[in-house]
């Protein structure tokens, strides 16, 4: 099937592109064995208020608080000694790679997050995308 023909038809119908078109090799997820300090640093680097956790590329959890390492320190704990797997939430927010960018923005709005994990139907992580990336791709006009 001709990919450019599908993109043109989708845009004519007013649909945004599927998330898998954004993916490439964009991952950067946390692992359960990462320290909470690593989680905080990665999330600050991405300016994220939530970040996915994957084990062997399978989405298994989510850190869903801003500055988890700094919060842990204020409670007298060393974030270098705590693992992401000990503090992550098992309930995750994600989109499937074949869903469109508009759906991703809707999910981010519903859950008040600025990054979303994208997975395939086997829950294998494809990437983590910011609201800005999804919005820019959805608004890109056909060439």
C-alpha atoms as a PDB file:
ATOM      1  CA  UNK A   1       0.000   0.000   0.000  1.00  0.00           C
ATOM      2  CA  UNK A   2       1.297   3.471  -0.880  1.00  0.00           C
ATOM      3  CA  UNK A   3       2.067   5.310   2.365  1.00  0.00           C
ATOM      4  CA  UNK A   4       1.905   8.815   0.848  1.00  0.00           C
ATOM      5  CA  UNK A   5      -1.524   8.036  -0.631  1.00  0.00           C
ATOM      6  CA  UNK A   6      -2.798   6.976   2.821  1.00  0.00           C
ATOM      7  CA  UNK A   7      -1.430  10.151   4.441  1.00  0.00           C
ATOM      8  CA  UNK A   8      -3.069  12.335   1.784  1.00  0.00           C
ATOM      9  CA  UNK A   9      -6.431  10.548   2.193  1.00  0.00           C
ATOM     10  CA  UNK A  10      -6.276  10.859   5.991  1.00  0.00           C
ATOM     11  CA  UNK A  11      -5.506  14.564   5.751  1.00  0.00           C
ATOM     12  CA  UNK A  12      -8.362  15.102   3.286  1.00  0.00           C
ATOM     13  CA  UNK A  13     -10.705  13.517   5.827  1.00  0.00           C
ATOM     14  CA  UNK A  14      -9.305  15.784   8.555  1.00  0.00           C
ATOM     15  CA  UNK A  15      -7.632  12.947  10.451  1.00  0.00           C
ATOM     16  CA  UNK A  16      -4.263  13.347  12.114  1.00  0.00           C
ATOM     17  CA  UNK A  17      -1.491  10.835  11.368  1.00  0.00           C
ATOM     18  CA  UNK A  18      -1.043   7.645  13.395  1.00  0.00           C
ATOM     19  CA  UNK A  19       1.502   7.842  16.191  1.00  0.00           C
ATOM     20  CA  UNK A  20       3.698   5.137  14.651  1.00  0.00           C
ATOM     21  CA  UNK A  21       4.677   7.686  12.002  1.00  0.00           C
ATOM     22  CA  UNK A  22       6.334   9.727  14.771  1.00  0.00           C
ATOM     23  CA  UNK A  23       8.092   6.840  16.467  1.00  0.00           C
ATOM     24  CA  UNK A  24      11.384   6.008  14.815  1.00  0.00           C
ATOM     25  CA  UNK A  25      13.746   4.993  17.605  1.00  0.00           C
ATOM     26  CA  UNK A  26      12.332   7.391  20.182  1.00  0.00           C
ATOM     27  CA  UNK A  27      12.150   5.680  23.538  1.00  0.00           C
ATOM     28  CA  UNK A  28      14.077   6.909  26.602  1.00  0.00           C
ATOM     29  CA  UNK A  29      11.840   5.139  29.116  1.00  0.00           C
ATOM     30  CA  UNK A  30      12.837   4.281  32.667  1.00  0.00           C
ATOM     31  CA  UNK A  31      13.522   0.738  33.867  1.00  0.00           C
ATOM     32  CA  UNK A  32      12.323  -0.659  37.228  1.00  0.00           C
ATOM     33  CA  UNK A  33      15.963  -0.966  38.379  1.00  0.00           C
ATOM     34  CA  UNK A  34      16.758   2.723  37.689  1.00  0.00           C
ATOM     35  CA  UNK A  35      17.161   4.924  40.747  1.00  0.00           C
ATOM     36  CA  UNK A  36      14.509   7.454  41.657  1.00  0.00           C
ATOM     37  CA  UNK A  37      17.251  10.073  41.203  1.00  0.00           C
ATOM     38  CA  UNK A  38      17.616   8.957  37.570  1.00  0.00           C
ATOM     39  CA  UNK A  39      13.845   9.252  37.150  1.00  0.00           C
ATOM     40  CA  UNK A  40      13.823  12.806  38.474  1.00  0.00           C
ATOM     41  CA  UNK A  41      16.738  13.850  36.271  1.00  0.00           C
ATOM     42  CA  UNK A  42      15.229  12.316  33.130  1.00  0.00           C
ATOM     43  CA  UNK A  43      11.835  13.873  33.798  1.00  0.00           C
ATOM     44  CA  UNK A  44      13.336  17.327  34.417  1.00  0.00           C
ATOM     45  CA  UNK A  45      15.389  17.020  31.238  1.00  0.00           C
ATOM     46  CA  UNK A  46      12.191  16.317  29.276  1.00  0.00           C
ATOM     47  CA  UNK A  47      10.110  18.778  31.332  1.00  0.00           C
ATOM     48  CA  UNK A  48       7.715  15.894  32.024  1.00  0.00           C
ATOM     49  CA  UNK A  49       5.139  15.449  34.762  1.00  0.00           C
ATOM     50  CA  UNK A  50       4.789  11.699  34.095  1.00  0.00           C
ATOM     51  CA  UNK A  51       7.175   9.143  32.574  1.00  0.00           C
ATOM     52  CA  UNK A  52       6.745   5.483  31.536  1.00  0.00           C
ATOM     53  CA  UNK A  53       8.620   2.517  32.936  1.00  0.00           C
ATOM     54  CA  UNK A  54       9.383  -0.510  30.756  1.00  0.00           C
ATOM     55  CA  UNK A  55      10.952  -3.885  31.397  1.00  0.00           C
ATOM     56  CA  UNK A  56      12.340  -5.655  28.330  1.00  0.00           C
ATOM     57  CA  UNK A  57      10.499  -3.006  26.244  1.00  0.00           C
ATOM     58  CA  UNK A  58       7.148  -3.954  27.806  1.00  0.00           C
ATOM     59  CA  UNK A  59       5.301  -1.071  29.481  1.00  0.00           C
ATOM     60  CA  UNK A  60       4.960  -1.993  33.175  1.00  0.00           C
ATOM     61  CA  UNK A  61       4.447   1.239  35.077  1.00  0.00           C
ATOM     62  CA  UNK A  62       4.648   4.978  35.325  1.00  0.00           C
ATOM     63  CA  UNK A  63       6.238   7.624  37.512  1.00  0.00           C
ATOM     64  CA  UNK A  64       3.462  10.179  37.849  1.00  0.00           C
ATOM     65  CA  UNK A  65       4.792  12.921  40.066  1.00  0.00           C
ATOM     66  CA  UNK A  66       6.986  15.902  39.309  1.00  0.00           C
ATOM     67  CA  UNK A  67      10.482  15.732  40.843  1.00  0.00           C
ATOM     68  CA  UNK A  68      10.094  12.311  42.485  1.00  0.00           C
ATOM     69  CA  UNK A  69      13.701  12.417  43.709  1.00  0.00           C
ATOM     70  CA  UNK A  70      13.362  15.818  45.349  1.00  0.00           C
ATOM     71  CA  UNK A  71      10.060  14.827  46.944  1.00  0.00           C
ATOM     72  CA  UNK A  72      11.701  11.712  48.353  1.00  0.00           C
ATOM     73  CA  UNK A  73      14.550  13.798  49.810  1.00  0.00           C
ATOM     74  CA  UNK A  74      12.085  16.111  51.588  1.00  0.00           C
ATOM     75  CA  UNK A  75      10.770  13.013  53.375  1.00  0.00           C
ATOM     76  CA  UNK A  76      14.272  12.015  54.515  1.00  0.00           C
ATOM     77  CA  UNK A  77      14.920   9.273  51.937  1.00  0.00           C
ATOM     78  CA  UNK A  78      17.896   8.953  49.586  1.00  0.00           C
ATOM     79  CA  UNK A  79      16.544   8.772  45.993  1.00  0.00           C
ATOM     80  CA  UNK A  80      19.769   7.105  44.847  1.00  0.00           C
ATOM     81  CA  UNK A  81      18.954   4.091  47.060  1.00  0.00           C
ATOM     82  CA  UNK A  82      15.322   3.727  45.954  1.00  0.00           C
ATOM     83  CA  UNK A  83      14.399   2.009  42.674  1.00  0.00           C
ATOM     84  CA  UNK A  84      11.773   3.169  40.206  1.00  0.00           C
ATOM     85  CA  UNK A  85      10.073  -0.234  40.508  1.00  0.00           C
ATOM     86  CA  UNK A  86       9.475   0.445  44.209  1.00  0.00           C
ATOM     87  CA  UNK A  87       7.641   3.730  43.660  1.00  0.00           C
ATOM     88  CA  UNK A  88       6.050   3.492  40.202  1.00  0.00           C
ATOM     89  CA  UNK A  89       2.330   3.142  39.644  1.00  0.00           C
ATOM     90  CA  UNK A  90       1.209   0.018  37.818  1.00  0.00           C
ATOM     91  CA  UNK A  91      -1.716   1.841  36.246  1.00  0.00           C
ATOM     92  CA  UNK A  92      -0.311   3.407  33.074  1.00  0.00           C
ATOM     93  CA  UNK A  93      -1.528   5.946  30.564  1.00  0.00           C
ATOM     94  CA  UNK A  94      -0.638   5.163  26.961  1.00  0.00           C
ATOM     95  CA  UNK A  95      -1.716   5.242  23.326  1.00  0.00           C
ATOM     96  CA  UNK A  96      -1.420   2.517  20.730  1.00  0.00           C
ATOM     97  CA  UNK A  97       0.885   3.209  17.794  1.00  0.00           C
ATOM     98  CA  UNK A  98      -2.000   2.968  15.314  1.00  0.00           C
ATOM     99  CA  UNK A  99      -4.055   5.627  17.111  1.00  0.00           C
ATOM    100  CA  UNK A 100      -3.834   9.135  15.737  1.00  0.00           C
ATOM    101  CA  UNK A 101      -2.229  12.245  17.174  1.00  0.00           C
ATOM    102  CA  UNK A 102      -5.612  13.761  18.042  1.00  0.00           C
ATOM    103  CA  UNK A 103      -6.348  10.756  20.278  1.00  0.00           C
ATOM    104  CA  UNK A 104      -2.959  11.162  21.966  1.00  0.00           C
ATOM    105  CA  UNK A 105      -3.719  14.815  22.736  1.00  0.00           C
ATOM    106  CA  UNK A 106      -7.137  13.820  24.113  1.00  0.00           C
ATOM    107  CA  UNK A 107      -5.541  11.245  26.438  1.00  0.00           C
ATOM    108  CA  UNK A 108      -2.948  13.784  27.618  1.00  0.00           C
ATOM    109  CA  UNK A 109      -5.729  16.296  28.335  1.00  0.00           C
ATOM    110  CA  UNK A 110      -7.847  13.745  30.213  1.00  0.00           C
ATOM    111  CA  UNK A 111      -4.942  12.690  32.434  1.00  0.00           C
ATOM    112  CA  UNK A 112      -3.303  16.123  32.676  1.00  0.00           C
ATOM    113  CA  UNK A 113       0.059  14.857  31.448  1.00  0.00           C
ATOM    114  CA  UNK A 114       2.443  16.446  28.971  1.00  0.00           C
ATOM    115  CA  UNK A 115       4.072  13.234  27.691  1.00  0.00           C
ATOM    116  CA  UNK A 116       2.478   9.959  26.655  1.00  0.00           C
ATOM    117  CA  UNK A 117       3.878   6.474  26.101  1.00  0.00           C
ATOM    118  CA  UNK A 118       3.111   4.877  22.750  1.00  0.00           C
ATOM    119  CA  UNK A 119       2.973   1.070  22.549  1.00  0.00           C
ATOM    120  CA  UNK A 120       2.184  -1.603  20.005  1.00  0.00           C
ATOM    121  CA  UNK A 121      -0.661  -4.052  20.581  1.00  0.00           C
ATOM    122  CA  UNK A 122       1.703  -6.347  22.539  1.00  0.00           C
ATOM    123  CA  UNK A 123       2.378  -3.430  24.957  1.00  0.00           C
ATOM    124  CA  UNK A 124       5.941  -3.084  23.669  1.00  0.00           C
ATOM    125  CA  UNK A 125       7.077   0.511  24.040  1.00  0.00           C
ATOM    126  CA  UNK A 126       7.511   2.405  20.779  1.00  0.00           C
ATOM    127  CA  UNK A 127       8.299   5.837  22.177  1.00  0.00           C
ATOM    128  CA  UNK A 128       7.480   8.674  24.537  1.00  0.00           C
ATOM    129  CA  UNK A 129       6.053  11.799  22.964  1.00  0.00           C
ATOM    130  CA  UNK A 130       5.506  15.303  24.227  1.00  0.00           C
ATOM    131  CA  UNK A 131       2.351  17.302  23.658  1.00  0.00           C
ATOM    132  CA  UNK A 132       4.383  19.649  21.431  1.00  0.00           C
ATOM    133  CA  UNK A 133       5.596  16.800  19.191  1.00  0.00           C
ATOM    134  CA  UNK A 134       2.122  15.341  18.808  1.00  0.00           C
ATOM    135  CA  UNK A 135       0.541  18.735  18.128  1.00  0.00           C
ATOM    136  CA  UNK A 136       3.193  19.706  15.576  1.00  0.00           C
ATOM    137  CA  UNK A 137       2.775  16.413  13.711  1.00  0.00           C
ATOM    138  CA  UNK A 138      -1.015  16.659  13.746  1.00  0.00           C
ATOM    139  CA  UNK A 139      -0.903  20.177  12.327  1.00  0.00           C
ATOM    140  CA  UNK A 140       1.737  19.499   9.656  1.00  0.00           C
ATOM    141  CA  UNK A 141       0.271  20.163   6.235  1.00  0.00           C
ATOM    142  CA  UNK A 142       0.783  17.800   3.265  1.00  0.00           C
ATOM    143  CA  UNK A 143       3.832  18.553   1.153  1.00  0.00           C
END
